N, C-alpha and C. Protein backbone atom coordinates (compact mmCIF):
# COMPACT_ATOMS: atom_id res chain seq x y z
N MET A 1 -14.58 -1.98 3.18
CA MET A 1 -14.44 -2.08 1.86
C MET A 1 -12.76 -0.92 2.03
N PRO A 2 -12.22 -1.43 0.93
CA PRO A 2 -10.78 -0.73 1.23
C PRO A 2 -11.55 0.35 0.63
N LEU A 3 -9.47 1.60 0.70
CA LEU A 3 -9.98 2.26 0.18
C LEU A 3 -9.56 2.47 -1.40
N THR A 4 -10.11 3.23 -2.08
CA THR A 4 -9.57 3.08 -3.52
C THR A 4 -8.19 3.92 -3.40
N PRO A 5 -7.23 4.03 -4.78
CA PRO A 5 -5.72 4.26 -5.09
C PRO A 5 -5.92 5.95 -4.56
N LEU A 6 -7.25 6.29 -4.98
CA LEU A 6 -7.09 8.11 -4.64
C LEU A 6 -7.18 8.27 -3.15
N ASP A 7 -7.77 7.58 -2.63
CA ASP A 7 -8.22 7.66 -1.34
C ASP A 7 -6.99 7.18 -0.67
N ARG A 8 -6.08 6.30 -1.01
CA ARG A 8 -4.51 6.06 -0.63
C ARG A 8 -3.87 7.16 -0.55
N LYS A 9 -3.48 7.70 -1.88
CA LYS A 9 -2.85 8.75 -1.78
C LYS A 9 -3.10 9.99 -1.14
N ILE A 10 -4.42 10.23 -0.69
CA ILE A 10 -4.85 11.40 -0.07
C ILE A 10 -4.35 11.21 1.57
N ALA A 11 -4.69 9.46 1.60
CA ALA A 11 -4.31 9.37 3.06
C ALA A 11 -2.68 9.86 3.47
N LEU A 12 -1.92 9.27 2.60
CA LEU A 12 -0.69 9.44 2.92
C LEU A 12 -0.36 11.08 2.63
N LEU A 13 -1.01 11.86 2.03
CA LEU A 13 -0.81 13.27 2.23
C LEU A 13 -1.06 14.29 3.75
N ARG A 14 -2.36 13.01 3.74
CA ARG A 14 -2.59 14.36 5.21
C ARG A 14 -1.65 13.77 6.40
N ALA A 15 -1.48 12.23 6.07
CA ALA A 15 -0.21 12.21 7.21
C ALA A 15 1.04 12.20 6.98
N GLY A 16 1.67 13.13 6.42
CA GLY A 16 2.54 13.45 6.17
C GLY A 16 3.63 12.43 5.96
N VAL A 17 3.34 11.54 4.85
CA VAL A 17 4.33 10.56 4.17
C VAL A 17 4.46 10.53 2.88
N SER A 18 5.38 10.29 2.51
CA SER A 18 5.93 10.18 1.13
C SER A 18 5.80 9.44 0.99
N MET A 19 5.47 8.36 -0.83
CA MET A 19 5.96 7.39 -1.21
C MET A 19 7.17 7.23 -1.42
N ALA A 20 8.15 8.34 -1.58
CA ALA A 20 9.72 8.00 -1.44
C ALA A 20 10.24 7.56 -0.06
N GLU A 21 9.72 8.51 0.72
CA GLU A 21 9.96 7.58 2.68
C GLU A 21 9.47 6.72 2.57
N ILE A 22 8.65 5.85 2.44
CA ILE A 22 8.29 4.40 2.51
C ILE A 22 8.92 3.90 2.06
N GLY A 23 9.20 4.17 0.29
CA GLY A 23 10.71 3.42 -0.29
C GLY A 23 11.95 3.58 0.12
N ARG A 24 12.30 4.40 0.83
CA ARG A 24 13.54 4.22 1.41
C ARG A 24 13.50 3.70 2.60
N GLN A 25 12.10 3.50 3.47
CA GLN A 25 12.50 2.86 4.50
C GLN A 25 12.49 1.07 4.24
N LEU A 26 12.34 1.19 3.03
CA LEU A 26 12.00 -0.68 2.84
C LEU A 26 12.76 -0.87 1.85
N GLY A 27 12.92 0.27 0.94
CA GLY A 27 15.13 -0.51 0.28
C GLY A 27 14.02 -0.67 -1.35
N VAL A 28 12.89 0.14 -1.66
CA VAL A 28 12.23 -0.24 -2.78
C VAL A 28 12.11 1.28 -3.54
N THR A 29 12.10 1.09 -4.41
CA THR A 29 12.04 2.33 -5.18
C THR A 29 10.38 3.22 -4.95
N LYS A 30 10.41 4.34 -4.96
CA LYS A 30 8.77 5.28 -4.91
C LYS A 30 8.04 4.78 -6.27
N ASN A 31 8.57 4.54 -7.30
CA ASN A 31 7.68 3.84 -8.43
C ASN A 31 7.22 2.47 -8.19
N HIS A 32 7.80 2.16 -7.06
CA HIS A 32 7.30 0.46 -6.70
C HIS A 32 6.10 0.75 -5.81
N VAL A 33 6.53 1.38 -4.83
CA VAL A 33 5.31 1.98 -3.58
C VAL A 33 4.32 2.69 -4.33
N ALA A 34 4.17 3.47 -5.39
CA ALA A 34 3.45 4.26 -6.26
C ALA A 34 2.46 3.15 -6.71
N MET A 35 3.30 2.25 -7.64
CA MET A 35 2.33 0.83 -8.40
C MET A 35 1.55 0.35 -7.25
N VAL A 36 2.00 -0.07 -6.23
CA VAL A 36 1.16 -0.58 -4.90
C VAL A 36 0.44 0.14 -4.38
N VAL A 37 0.28 1.47 -4.17
CA VAL A 37 -0.79 2.34 -3.55
C VAL A 37 -1.82 2.28 -4.90
N ALA A 38 -1.52 2.52 -6.17
CA ALA A 38 -2.31 2.79 -7.62
C ALA A 38 -3.06 1.13 -7.25
N GLY A 39 -2.40 0.57 -7.07
CA GLY A 39 -3.70 -0.78 -7.14
C GLY A 39 -2.81 -1.87 -8.21
N LYS A 40 -1.87 -1.19 -8.85
CA LYS A 40 -1.35 -2.33 -10.09
C LYS A 40 -0.45 -3.16 -9.86
N ARG A 41 0.21 -3.27 -8.46
CA ARG A 41 1.37 -4.24 -8.21
C ARG A 41 0.61 -4.67 -6.97
N ARG A 42 0.87 -6.10 -6.29
CA ARG A 42 0.92 -6.10 -4.85
C ARG A 42 2.42 -6.32 -4.03
N SER A 43 2.53 -5.98 -2.91
CA SER A 43 3.76 -6.47 -1.94
C SER A 43 2.76 -6.09 -0.54
N PRO A 44 3.10 -7.62 0.26
CA PRO A 44 2.38 -7.49 1.12
C PRO A 44 3.14 -6.48 2.11
N ARG A 45 4.34 -6.34 2.03
CA ARG A 45 5.44 -5.89 2.75
C ARG A 45 5.39 -4.03 2.74
N VAL A 46 5.01 -3.36 1.46
CA VAL A 46 5.05 -2.15 0.95
C VAL A 46 3.29 -1.75 1.75
N GLU A 47 2.52 -2.80 1.15
CA GLU A 47 1.24 -2.17 1.90
C GLU A 47 0.87 -2.58 3.48
N ALA A 48 1.45 -3.32 4.10
CA ALA A 48 1.67 -3.43 5.38
C ALA A 48 2.09 -1.68 5.94
N LYS A 49 3.36 -1.49 5.06
CA LYS A 49 3.82 -0.34 5.51
C LYS A 49 3.17 0.93 5.42
N VAL A 50 2.27 0.76 4.42
CA VAL A 50 1.50 2.04 3.82
C VAL A 50 0.26 2.27 5.02
N ALA A 51 -0.11 1.06 4.72
CA ALA A 51 -1.44 1.03 6.28
C ALA A 51 -0.93 2.00 7.29
N GLU A 52 0.18 1.05 7.63
CA GLU A 52 0.65 1.66 9.08
C GLU A 52 0.54 2.88 9.17
N SER A 53 1.53 3.68 8.18
CA SER A 53 1.61 4.98 8.17
C SER A 53 0.72 6.04 7.72
N ILE A 54 -0.64 5.26 7.47
CA ILE A 54 -2.03 6.41 7.96
C ILE A 54 -2.71 5.78 9.33
N GLY A 55 -1.91 4.80 9.93
CA GLY A 55 -2.77 4.60 11.04
C GLY A 55 -4.33 3.82 10.59
N LYS A 56 -3.85 3.13 9.89
CA LYS A 56 -5.33 1.73 9.55
C LYS A 56 -4.64 0.71 9.39
N PRO A 57 -5.91 -0.69 9.61
CA PRO A 57 -4.77 -1.62 9.37
C PRO A 57 -4.95 -2.37 7.98
N THR A 58 -4.18 -3.13 7.22
CA THR A 58 -4.15 -3.85 6.02
C THR A 58 -5.64 -3.78 5.32
N GLY A 59 -6.13 -4.51 5.81
CA GLY A 59 -7.68 -4.79 5.42
C GLY A 59 -8.20 -3.63 5.06
N ARG A 60 -8.09 -2.69 6.30
CA ARG A 60 -9.41 -1.36 5.38
C ARG A 60 -8.80 -0.87 4.24
N VAL A 61 -7.03 -0.81 4.11
CA VAL A 61 -6.65 0.02 3.08
C VAL A 61 -6.55 -0.66 2.01
N PHE A 62 -6.02 -2.11 1.42
CA PHE A 62 -6.02 -2.75 0.27
C PHE A 62 -6.91 -3.88 0.53
N PRO A 63 -7.84 -4.23 -0.85
CA PRO A 63 -8.51 -5.65 -0.84
C PRO A 63 -7.62 -6.79 -0.89
N PRO A 64 -8.42 -7.77 -0.25
CA PRO A 64 -7.55 -9.22 0.08
C PRO A 64 -6.87 -9.44 -1.04
N ALA A 65 -5.84 -10.47 -1.23
CA ALA A 65 -4.84 -10.93 -2.15
C ALA A 65 -5.93 -12.23 -2.52
N GLU A 66 -6.23 -11.80 -4.01
CA GLU A 66 -6.39 -13.33 -4.60
C GLU A 66 -6.12 -14.46 -4.65
N VAL A 67 -6.86 -15.34 -4.16
CA VAL A 67 -6.46 -16.93 -3.91
C VAL A 67 -6.43 -17.17 -5.22
N HIS A 68 -5.44 -17.88 -6.07
CA HIS A 68 -5.47 -18.85 -7.60
C HIS A 68 -5.62 -20.73 -7.13
N ALA A 69 -6.11 -20.87 -8.05
CA ALA A 69 -6.69 -22.54 -7.92
C ALA A 69 -5.21 -23.27 -8.12
N GLY A 70 -5.43 -24.11 -6.67
CA GLY A 70 -4.36 -24.57 -6.55
C GLY A 70 -3.15 -24.04 -5.92
N ALA A 71 -3.89 -22.82 -4.94
CA ALA A 71 -2.79 -22.19 -3.95
C ALA A 71 -3.17 -23.15 -2.29
N ALA A 72 -2.35 -23.56 -2.19
CA ALA A 72 -2.22 -24.05 -0.64
C ALA A 72 -2.84 -23.32 0.70
């Protein structure tokens, strides 16, 4: 089961990694990272970096992406 948004925030704090730092590394805003961490926006690149930063596989940190009808 993936982490909750609060658990993701706590894990980043424990790892000593800020959302601003992740944003700088990826060339996106800290607000973009915060929206992904909160589960309000999806970004495979940000999700992968957050998961890497806390030392867990992406699938253990974020829920799987939804598959829409008609998607290949």
